[in-house]
Amino acid sequence: MGKNTMTLTDNRTGKSFEYNIIDGTRGPSVVDIRSFYKDSGMFTFDPGYTSTASCESKITFIDGENSELRYRGIPIEDLAGKSSYLDVCYLLMNGNLPTPEQSKNFDLEIRHRSFLDEGILRLFDALPDHAHPMATMGAATMALATIYKDHLNPSNEDEFRVMRRRILAKMPTIAAMAYRNSIGVPMIYPDINRYFTENFLYMLRAYPGGKLKYLGNGHNDEIKQVEVDALDAILTLHADHEQNASTTTVRNVGSTEAHPYVSIASGIAALWGSAHGGANERVMEQLKLIGDVKNVPTYIAKAKDKNDPFRLMGFGHRVYKNRDPRAQELKKLQDKLREELHLDSHLLDIAAAVEKAALSDDYFVSRGLYPNIDFYSGVILTALKIPIEMFTPIFVIGRIPGWISQWTELKQDPTAKIARPRQLYTGK
């Protein structure tokens, strides 16, 4: 911690206030203004919290100027496609990558915790047909709090460990069953002989009796290792992303002493928004709207026209002012898997033309509007025969270790308080 200070002066009265500057291990320093209202009788004004650090964290670090993302100090480039998603979950939740023995035991425990209480299954039946899987996932996650009441106030690390691993293990099952319920096909239970990501694809695709088919096309199709590896990398790239909207929601709800799974359900609701986790659905819809490479210049011009409501999806990011490192990793994966996964060449050609046009146009480059993770993830997920309405649920599965690690960190912070922003009142 640094010992520097900053002096703020009220020009109306000439009164000055001094505040400590706190240095982190990476990134911008912060001014500790916790006593500012008490000292001055004023609030700070920061809509969207663009310049506000709401907490201290040791989990994830982003340097948006230099395209850097690290989990527990490890660059994302050293994790995606190199460590399994479950090993990355272990890293986020425990602070270090597992040993081979720890990895094996962690994997085994997650497999055995993947089953849902039968009461949760009856909840699916009570929901309307064709409900969006995100709505169903939120309801089912909330319902977990009625079953695991022992998680309300964890008092030791063992209780935190069980709580974290339980929700991590059950989320793919919830997501797969939410989808199957939405299209009216029988539920498939987890198969403990399958690895986490393979098991999710199995629960999406299998028919009763365990026969594997892509739902809707009737072709027998075993899950390929390349498919498991591709989805594993996508989940890894989504595992945590500092204090984004949904993570902040999880922390804010957690600060009220709500059940951890209620906090997670709140994060699911926040992630569903098209400006957040739902953006990759919009990217795919837009690529289909463009329809052909020859139409790309028209849509690029529409995106640049300030009087046109059209917005180019999948470009730009609130934090990354340069390239999104997750997008760079997915682009490599997309190029690598183009033939192996039979990626949709037509959509890829349109996406490539959009990317080339935008990156050669000063309008986009000068504004830091580079492709983000959503621009590349949809094409890969489509190649995995995952329906578009499941894109955001997969984001949820990937983000669980981040959310639950952030919730744990909040609960173990002795200085944490209930979230309570203030306002600038301009009404009557």
Protein backbone atom coordinates (compact mmCIF):
# COMPACT_ATOMS: atom_id res chain seq x y z
CA MET A 1 0.00 0.00 0.00
CA GLY A 2 1.33 3.43 -0.90
CA LYS A 3 1.55 6.41 1.45
CA ASN A 4 0.86 9.12 -1.12
CA THR A 5 -2.12 11.42 -0.75
CA MET A 6 -4.38 13.57 -2.92
CA THR A 7 -5.83 16.91 -1.85
CA LEU A 8 -9.28 17.93 -3.09
CA THR A 9 -10.33 21.54 -2.71
CA ASP A 10 -13.87 22.95 -2.73
CA ASN A 11 -13.48 26.15 -4.79
CA ARG A 12 -16.68 27.54 -3.31
CA THR A 13 -15.39 27.55 0.26
CA GLY A 14 -11.64 27.07 -0.12
CA LYS A 15 -11.81 24.06 2.21
CA SER A 16 -9.43 21.21 1.37
CA PHE A 17 -9.68 17.49 2.04
CA GLU A 18 -6.82 15.00 1.94
CA TYR A 19 -7.22 11.35 0.95
CA ASN A 20 -4.83 8.42 0.75
CA ILE A 21 -3.76 7.03 -2.61
CA ILE A 22 -3.66 3.23 -2.55
CA ASP A 23 -1.44 1.36 -5.01
CA GLY A 24 -2.36 -2.08 -6.27
CA THR A 25 0.07 -4.67 -7.61
CA ARG A 26 -1.07 -3.92 -11.19
CA GLY A 27 -3.23 -1.28 -12.85
CA PRO A 28 -4.28 2.23 -11.81
CA SER A 29 -3.94 3.39 -8.21
CA VAL A 30 -7.09 4.45 -6.37
CA VAL A 31 -8.04 7.37 -4.17
CA ASP A 32 -9.64 6.16 -0.96
CA ILE A 33 -12.68 8.45 -0.70
CA ARG A 34 -14.73 6.37 1.73
CA SER A 35 -14.95 9.34 4.10
CA PHE A 36 -15.58 11.94 1.39
CA TYR A 37 -19.29 12.45 2.13
CA LYS A 38 -18.63 12.64 5.86
CA ASP A 39 -15.85 15.18 5.30
CA SER A 40 -17.45 17.36 2.63
CA GLY A 41 -21.19 16.70 2.60
CA MET A 42 -20.94 15.85 -1.12
CA PHE A 43 -21.09 12.68 -3.21
CA THR A 44 -18.93 11.85 -6.19
CA PHE A 45 -20.81 11.50 -9.50
CA ASP A 46 -19.85 8.57 -11.74
CA PRO A 47 -22.70 7.13 -13.87
CA GLY A 48 -21.92 3.56 -14.91
CA TYR A 49 -19.02 3.48 -12.42
CA THR A 50 -16.53 4.22 -15.20
CA SER A 51 -13.92 5.57 -12.75
CA THR A 52 -14.94 3.81 -9.55
CA ALA A 53 -13.27 0.79 -7.93
CA SER A 54 -16.03 -0.90 -5.94
CA CYS A 55 -13.87 -3.52 -4.26
CA GLU A 56 -10.39 -4.92 -3.74
CA SER A 57 -9.79 -8.23 -5.55
CA LYS A 58 -7.04 -10.80 -6.12
CA ILE A 59 -8.87 -12.86 -8.76
CA THR A 60 -8.73 -11.29 -12.24
CA PHE A 61 -6.76 -8.44 -13.79
CA ILE A 62 -7.51 -6.58 -17.03
CA ASP A 63 -5.29 -4.03 -18.77
CA GLY A 64 -7.58 -2.69 -21.46
CA GLU A 65 -4.92 -0.50 -23.06
CA ASN A 66 -2.51 -3.40 -23.58
CA SER A 67 -5.01 -6.19 -24.35
CA GLU A 68 -4.19 -8.13 -21.22
CA LEU A 69 -6.35 -10.53 -19.21
CA ARG A 70 -4.98 -12.61 -16.33
CA TYR A 71 -6.58 -15.15 -14.01
CA ARG A 72 -4.75 -15.22 -10.66
CA GLY A 73 -1.77 -13.63 -12.39
CA ILE A 74 -1.63 -16.07 -15.32
CA PRO A 75 -2.16 -14.63 -18.85
CA ILE A 76 -5.23 -15.99 -20.61
CA GLU A 77 -2.99 -17.01 -23.53
CA ASP A 78 -1.26 -19.51 -21.22
CA LEU A 79 -4.57 -21.07 -20.17
CA ALA A 80 -6.99 -21.23 -23.13
CA GLY A 81 -6.39 -24.49 -25.00
CA LYS A 82 -3.49 -25.40 -22.70
CA SER A 83 -5.23 -26.11 -19.39
CA SER A 84 -8.59 -27.82 -19.11
CA TYR A 85 -11.58 -25.69 -18.17
CA LEU A 86 -11.92 -27.55 -14.86
CA ASP A 87 -8.27 -26.82 -14.04
CA VAL A 88 -9.00 -23.13 -14.73
CA CYS A 89 -12.02 -23.36 -12.41
CA TYR A 90 -9.75 -24.79 -9.73
CA LEU A 91 -7.30 -21.94 -10.33
CA LEU A 92 -9.97 -19.25 -9.92
CA MET A 93 -11.55 -20.82 -6.87
CA ASN A 94 -8.35 -21.82 -5.08
CA GLY A 95 -5.69 -19.39 -6.29
CA ASN A 96 -3.42 -21.90 -8.00
CA LEU A 97 -3.52 -24.50 -10.76
CA PRO A 98 -4.06 -28.04 -9.43
CA THR A 99 -1.47 -30.78 -9.26
CA PRO A 100 -2.30 -33.85 -11.40
CA GLU A 101 -3.73 -35.57 -8.32
CA GLN A 102 -5.78 -32.52 -7.32
CA SER A 103 -7.04 -32.21 -10.88
CA LYS A 104 -8.15 -35.83 -10.96
CA ASN A 105 -9.95 -35.61 -7.62
CA PHE A 106 -11.59 -32.30 -8.53
CA ASP A 107 -12.86 -33.72 -11.82
CA LEU A 108 -14.23 -36.81 -10.04
CA GLU A 109 -16.05 -34.71 -7.43
CA ILE A 110 -17.61 -32.44 -10.07
CA ARG A 111 -18.89 -35.47 -11.99
CA HIS A 112 -20.62 -36.88 -8.92
CA ARG A 113 -22.16 -33.54 -7.94
CA SER A 114 -23.68 -32.95 -11.39
CA PHE A 115 -27.08 -34.51 -10.61
CA LEU A 116 -30.07 -32.35 -9.68
CA ASP A 117 -32.53 -32.91 -6.88
CA GLU A 118 -35.70 -34.42 -8.37
CA GLY A 119 -37.67 -31.44 -7.05
CA ILE A 120 -35.76 -29.20 -9.46
CA LEU A 121 -36.78 -31.46 -12.34
CA ARG A 122 -40.44 -30.96 -11.44
CA LEU A 123 -39.83 -27.21 -11.62
CA PHE A 124 -39.00 -27.54 -15.32
CA ASP A 125 -42.38 -29.16 -15.93
CA ALA A 126 -44.13 -26.23 -14.25
CA LEU A 127 -42.61 -23.65 -16.60
CA PRO A 128 -44.23 -22.74 -19.95
CA ASP A 129 -43.26 -24.57 -23.13
CA HIS A 130 -40.73 -22.74 -25.30
CA ALA A 131 -39.46 -20.62 -22.38
CA HIS A 132 -36.04 -19.15 -23.13
CA PRO A 133 -33.37 -21.32 -21.44
CA MET A 134 -31.93 -18.28 -19.64
CA ALA A 135 -35.25 -17.67 -17.87
CA THR A 136 -35.45 -21.33 -16.89
CA MET A 137 -31.84 -21.38 -15.70
CA GLY A 138 -32.45 -18.37 -13.48
CA ALA A 139 -35.52 -19.99 -11.93
CA ALA A 140 -33.78 -23.34 -11.38
CA THR A 141 -30.69 -21.71 -9.86
CA MET A 142 -32.88 -19.68 -7.51
CA ALA A 143 -34.66 -22.90 -6.54
CA LEU A 144 -31.34 -24.49 -5.50
CA ALA A 145 -31.39 -22.11 -2.54
CA THR A 146 -34.50 -23.92 -1.24
CA ILE A 147 -32.58 -27.20 -1.15
CA TYR A 148 -29.10 -26.21 0.02
CA LYS A 149 -29.97 -24.02 2.99
CA ASP A 150 -26.66 -24.87 4.65
CA HIS A 151 -24.92 -22.46 2.26
CA LEU A 152 -26.57 -19.34 3.64
CA ASN A 153 -23.73 -18.35 5.97
CA PRO A 154 -20.59 -20.43 5.35
CA SER A 155 -18.33 -20.26 8.38
CA ASN A 156 -15.23 -22.13 7.18
CA GLU A 157 -13.32 -22.93 4.01
CA ASP A 158 -14.75 -26.47 3.76
CA GLU A 159 -18.27 -25.05 3.53
CA PHE A 160 -17.19 -22.52 0.90
CA ARG A 161 -15.51 -25.33 -1.07
CA VAL A 162 -18.62 -27.52 -1.12
CA MET A 163 -20.85 -24.60 -2.06
CA ARG A 164 -18.61 -23.57 -4.98
CA ARG A 165 -18.18 -27.05 -6.38
CA ARG A 166 -21.86 -27.89 -6.09
CA ILE A 167 -23.04 -24.96 -8.24
CA LEU A 168 -20.20 -25.45 -10.74
CA ALA A 169 -21.15 -29.12 -11.20
CA LYS A 170 -24.88 -28.56 -11.53
CA MET A 171 -24.95 -25.62 -13.94
CA PRO A 172 -24.33 -27.64 -17.15
CA THR A 173 -27.12 -30.00 -16.09
CA ILE A 174 -29.46 -27.08 -15.46
CA ALA A 175 -28.55 -25.52 -18.81
CA ALA A 176 -29.00 -28.73 -20.81
CA MET A 177 -32.32 -29.54 -19.15
CA ALA A 178 -33.53 -25.96 -19.63
CA TYR A 179 -32.91 -26.34 -23.35
CA ARG A 180 -34.49 -29.77 -23.62
CA ASN A 181 -37.53 -28.54 -21.74
CA SER A 182 -37.80 -25.58 -24.13
CA ILE A 183 -38.12 -27.89 -27.15
CA GLY A 184 -40.23 -30.54 -25.43
CA VAL A 185 -37.88 -33.54 -25.44
CA PRO A 186 -37.15 -35.89 -22.51
CA MET A 187 -34.49 -34.97 -19.97
CA ILE A 188 -31.13 -36.72 -20.01
CA TYR A 189 -29.31 -37.34 -16.74
CA PRO A 190 -25.56 -36.70 -16.41
CA ASP A 191 -23.13 -39.50 -17.27
CA ILE A 192 -20.40 -39.61 -14.64
CA ASN A 193 -18.12 -41.44 -17.08
CA ARG A 194 -17.81 -38.26 -19.13
CA TYR A 195 -15.65 -35.18 -18.58
CA PHE A 196 -17.43 -31.90 -17.71
CA THR A 197 -17.63 -30.41 -21.22
CA GLU A 198 -18.29 -33.70 -22.97
CA ASN A 199 -21.06 -34.41 -20.46
CA PHE A 200 -22.76 -31.12 -21.29
CA LEU A 201 -22.71 -31.90 -25.03
CA TYR A 202 -24.02 -35.39 -24.24
CA MET A 203 -26.93 -34.02 -22.20
CA LEU A 204 -27.78 -31.66 -25.07
CA ARG A 205 -27.64 -34.27 -27.81
CA ALA A 206 -28.58 -37.68 -26.41
CA TYR A 207 -31.91 -39.40 -26.74
CA PRO A 208 -33.38 -41.63 -24.00
CA GLY A 209 -31.28 -44.75 -23.71
CA GLY A 210 -28.10 -42.77 -24.27
CA LYS A 211 -28.07 -42.89 -28.08
CA LEU A 212 -26.28 -39.84 -29.36
CA LYS A 213 -27.84 -37.73 -32.10
CA TYR A 214 -27.88 -34.07 -32.89
CA LEU A 215 -31.34 -33.01 -31.80
CA GLY A 216 -33.34 -32.29 -34.90
CA ASN A 217 -31.28 -33.97 -37.64
CA GLY A 218 -31.49 -37.64 -36.67
CA HIS A 219 -27.88 -38.53 -37.52
CA ASN A 220 -25.89 -40.71 -35.16
CA ASP A 221 -22.90 -38.70 -34.05
CA GLU A 222 -20.46 -39.45 -31.27
CA ILE A 223 -18.93 -36.48 -29.52
CA LYS A 224 -15.51 -35.76 -30.97
CA GLN A 225 -12.55 -34.73 -28.85
CA VAL A 226 -12.05 -31.66 -31.02
CA GLU A 227 -15.55 -30.53 -30.07
CA VAL A 228 -14.83 -31.00 -26.37
CA ASP A 229 -11.56 -29.10 -26.68
CA ALA A 230 -13.18 -26.22 -28.59
CA LEU A 231 -16.00 -25.76 -26.07
CA ASP A 232 -13.51 -26.15 -23.21
CA ALA A 233 -11.49 -23.23 -24.58
CA ILE A 234 -14.62 -21.08 -24.99
CA LEU A 235 -15.63 -21.76 -21.39
CA THR A 236 -12.11 -20.89 -20.21
CA LEU A 237 -12.20 -17.55 -22.03
CA HIS A 238 -15.49 -16.71 -20.31
CA ALA A 239 -14.53 -17.88 -16.81
CA ASP A 240 -14.10 -14.44 -15.22
CA HIS A 241 -13.77 -10.84 -16.34
CA GLU A 242 -13.20 -8.61 -13.34
CA GLN A 243 -16.05 -6.31 -12.14
CA ASN A 244 -18.37 -6.43 -15.16
CA ALA A 245 -22.14 -5.86 -14.92
CA SER A 246 -23.12 -9.42 -13.96
CA THR A 247 -20.21 -9.93 -11.55
CA THR A 248 -21.02 -6.62 -9.88
CA THR A 249 -24.63 -7.79 -9.62
CA VAL A 250 -23.51 -11.02 -7.92
CA ARG A 251 -21.40 -9.03 -5.46
CA ASN A 252 -24.13 -6.45 -4.81
CA VAL A 253 -26.78 -9.08 -4.12
CA GLY A 254 -24.27 -11.05 -2.05
CA SER A 255 -23.63 -7.97 0.07
CA THR A 256 -27.22 -8.15 1.30
CA GLU A 257 -26.54 -11.56 2.93
CA ALA A 258 -28.61 -13.30 0.25
CA HIS A 259 -27.99 -17.00 -0.42
CA PRO A 260 -25.03 -17.51 -2.81
CA TYR A 261 -27.21 -19.27 -5.36
CA VAL A 262 -29.67 -16.38 -5.27
CA SER A 263 -26.72 -14.11 -6.03
CA ILE A 264 -25.77 -16.36 -8.96
CA ALA A 265 -29.36 -16.29 -10.24
CA SER A 266 -29.15 -12.49 -10.17
CA GLY A 267 -25.96 -12.69 -12.21
CA ILE A 268 -27.76 -14.86 -14.76
CA ALA A 269 -30.46 -12.20 -15.08
CA ALA A 270 -27.85 -9.47 -15.62
CA LEU A 271 -25.92 -11.55 -18.15
CA TRP A 272 -29.00 -12.16 -20.26
CA GLY A 273 -29.02 -8.57 -21.56
CA SER A 274 -28.04 -8.10 -25.19
CA ALA A 275 -25.47 -5.47 -24.17
CA HIS A 276 -23.74 -8.09 -22.01
CA GLY A 277 -23.87 -11.88 -22.40
CA GLY A 278 -26.56 -11.90 -25.06
CA ALA A 279 -24.37 -10.08 -27.57
CA ASN A 280 -23.11 -13.22 -29.34
CA GLU A 281 -26.70 -14.12 -30.27
CA ARG A 282 -27.03 -10.68 -31.85
CA VAL A 283 -23.76 -11.17 -33.78
CA MET A 284 -25.06 -14.35 -35.42
CA GLU A 285 -28.40 -12.73 -36.22
CA GLN A 286 -26.56 -9.81 -37.79
CA LEU A 287 -24.29 -11.98 -39.93
CA LYS A 288 -27.40 -13.71 -41.26
CA LEU A 289 -29.01 -10.31 -41.82
CA ILE A 290 -26.04 -9.13 -43.89
CA GLY A 291 -26.52 -12.30 -45.89
CA ASP A 292 -23.69 -11.99 -48.39
CA VAL A 293 -20.16 -10.62 -48.62
CA LYS A 294 -21.27 -8.13 -51.29
CA ASN A 295 -23.61 -6.50 -48.74
CA VAL A 296 -20.86 -5.80 -46.18
CA PRO A 297 -19.97 -2.27 -47.47
CA THR A 298 -23.63 -1.25 -47.11
CA TYR A 299 -23.77 -2.32 -43.48
CA ILE A 300 -20.39 -0.80 -42.67
CA ALA A 301 -21.72 2.51 -44.01
CA LYS A 302 -24.90 2.14 -41.95
CA ALA A 303 -22.80 1.56 -38.81
CA LYS A 304 -20.88 4.79 -39.48
CA ASP A 305 -24.01 6.85 -40.14
CA LYS A 306 -24.89 8.65 -36.91
CA ASN A 307 -28.47 9.04 -38.12
CA ASP A 308 -28.89 5.30 -38.69
CA PRO A 309 -29.85 3.19 -35.64
CA PHE A 310 -27.92 0.20 -37.03
CA ARG A 311 -25.07 -0.87 -34.75
CA LEU A 312 -22.31 -3.28 -35.74
CA MET A 313 -22.43 -6.06 -33.15
CA GLY A 314 -19.31 -7.79 -31.88
CA PHE A 315 -17.05 -4.74 -32.12
CA GLY A 316 -15.70 -2.62 -29.29
CA HIS A 317 -15.60 -3.22 -25.56
CA ARG A 318 -16.17 -1.14 -22.45
CA VAL A 319 -12.75 -2.05 -20.99
CA TYR A 320 -10.55 -3.02 -23.95
CA LYS A 321 -9.45 0.09 -25.83
CA ASN A 322 -7.31 -2.07 -28.05
CA ARG A 323 -7.84 -5.69 -29.09
CA ASP A 324 -9.76 -8.09 -26.84
CA PRO A 325 -7.24 -10.83 -25.88
CA ARG A 326 -10.07 -13.37 -25.59
CA ALA A 327 -11.13 -12.56 -29.14
CA GLN A 328 -7.57 -13.04 -30.37
CA GLU A 329 -7.48 -16.52 -28.82
CA LEU A 330 -10.87 -17.42 -30.30
CA LYS A 331 -9.78 -16.19 -33.73
CA LYS A 332 -6.80 -18.56 -33.56
CA LEU A 333 -9.13 -21.36 -32.50
CA GLN A 334 -11.59 -20.52 -35.28
CA ASP A 335 -8.84 -20.64 -37.90
CA LYS A 336 -7.48 -23.90 -36.48
CA LEU A 337 -10.87 -25.62 -36.38
CA ARG A 338 -12.29 -24.34 -39.65
CA GLU A 339 -11.89 -27.70 -41.36
CA GLU A 340 -12.07 -30.01 -38.36
CA LEU A 341 -15.39 -28.62 -37.16
CA HIS A 342 -16.73 -27.86 -40.65
CA LEU A 343 -17.37 -24.24 -39.70
CA ASP A 344 -20.04 -22.54 -41.81
CA SER A 345 -17.95 -21.19 -44.70
CA HIS A 346 -20.64 -18.77 -45.81
CA LEU A 347 -20.92 -17.16 -42.36
CA LEU A 348 -17.14 -17.21 -41.97
CA ASP A 349 -16.71 -15.41 -45.27
CA ILE A 350 -19.18 -12.71 -44.22
CA ALA A 351 -17.52 -12.39 -40.79
CA ALA A 352 -14.08 -12.16 -42.40
CA ALA A 353 -15.28 -9.45 -44.79
CA VAL A 354 -16.85 -7.47 -41.93
CA GLU A 355 -13.67 -7.78 -39.88
CA LYS A 356 -11.42 -6.74 -42.78
CA ALA A 357 -13.61 -3.77 -43.67
CA ALA A 358 -13.79 -2.53 -40.09
CA LEU A 359 -10.10 -2.95 -39.34
CA SER A 360 -9.12 -1.04 -42.45
CA ASP A 361 -11.49 1.83 -41.69
CA ASP A 362 -10.20 4.68 -39.53
CA TYR A 363 -13.73 5.23 -38.16
CA PHE A 364 -13.51 1.93 -36.25
CA VAL A 365 -9.77 1.84 -35.56
CA SER A 366 -9.60 5.39 -34.17
CA ARG A 367 -12.43 4.55 -31.78
CA GLY A 368 -10.84 1.27 -30.64
CA LEU A 369 -13.71 -0.73 -32.18
CA TYR A 370 -11.93 -4.04 -32.65
CA PRO A 371 -13.68 -7.45 -32.76
CA ASN A 372 -14.55 -8.70 -29.29
CA ILE A 373 -15.10 -12.23 -28.00
CA ASP A 374 -18.74 -12.28 -29.12
CA PHE A 375 -17.73 -11.76 -32.75
CA TYR A 376 -15.97 -15.13 -32.92
CA SER A 377 -17.73 -17.34 -30.37
CA GLY A 378 -21.04 -17.64 -32.24
CA VAL A 379 -19.61 -19.24 -35.38
CA ILE A 380 -17.76 -21.86 -33.32
CA LEU A 381 -20.80 -22.61 -31.16
CA THR A 382 -22.90 -22.99 -34.30
CA ALA A 383 -20.38 -25.51 -35.62
CA LEU A 384 -20.83 -27.44 -32.36
CA LYS A 385 -24.54 -27.73 -33.30
CA ILE A 386 -25.47 -25.57 -30.33
CA PRO A 387 -28.66 -23.60 -31.01
CA ILE A 388 -28.47 -19.83 -30.83
CA GLU A 389 -30.70 -19.61 -27.75
CA MET A 390 -28.06 -21.62 -25.86
CA PHE A 391 -25.20 -19.21 -26.55
CA THR A 392 -25.81 -17.13 -23.43
CA PRO A 393 -26.46 -20.19 -21.19
CA ILE A 394 -23.01 -21.44 -22.23
CA PHE A 395 -21.63 -18.06 -21.18
CA VAL A 396 -23.29 -18.70 -17.79
CA ILE A 397 -21.65 -22.12 -17.48
CA GLY A 398 -18.28 -20.58 -18.27
CA ARG A 399 -18.71 -17.67 -15.84
CA ILE A 400 -19.76 -19.70 -12.76
CA PRO A 401 -16.22 -20.10 -11.32
CA GLY A 402 -15.66 -16.36 -11.62
CA TRP A 403 -18.97 -15.40 -10.04
CA ILE A 404 -18.67 -17.80 -7.15
CA SER A 405 -15.02 -16.86 -6.52
CA GLN A 406 -15.99 -13.19 -6.46
CA TRP A 407 -18.86 -13.97 -4.05
CA THR A 408 -16.47 -15.88 -1.78
CA GLU A 409 -13.94 -13.06 -1.83
CA LEU A 410 -16.68 -10.60 -0.86
CA LYS A 411 -17.77 -12.78 2.06
CA GLN A 412 -14.21 -13.19 3.32
CA ASP A 413 -13.50 -9.43 3.18
CA PRO A 414 -13.86 -8.01 6.72
CA THR A 415 -14.29 -4.48 5.32
CA ALA A 416 -17.15 -5.36 2.93
CA LYS A 417 -20.41 -3.44 3.29
CA ILE A 418 -23.83 -3.66 1.71
CA ALA A 419 -23.78 -2.03 -1.73
CA ARG A 420 -25.59 1.29 -1.55
CA PRO A 421 -24.74 3.86 -4.30
CA ARG A 422 -25.95 7.44 -3.90
CA GLN A 423 -27.54 9.77 -6.44
CA LEU A 424 -27.68 13.29 -7.80
CA TYR A 425 -31.31 14.28 -7.31
CA THR A 426 -32.72 16.63 -9.99
CA GLY A 427 -36.46 16.08 -9.56
CA LYS A 428 -39.16 18.30 -8.08
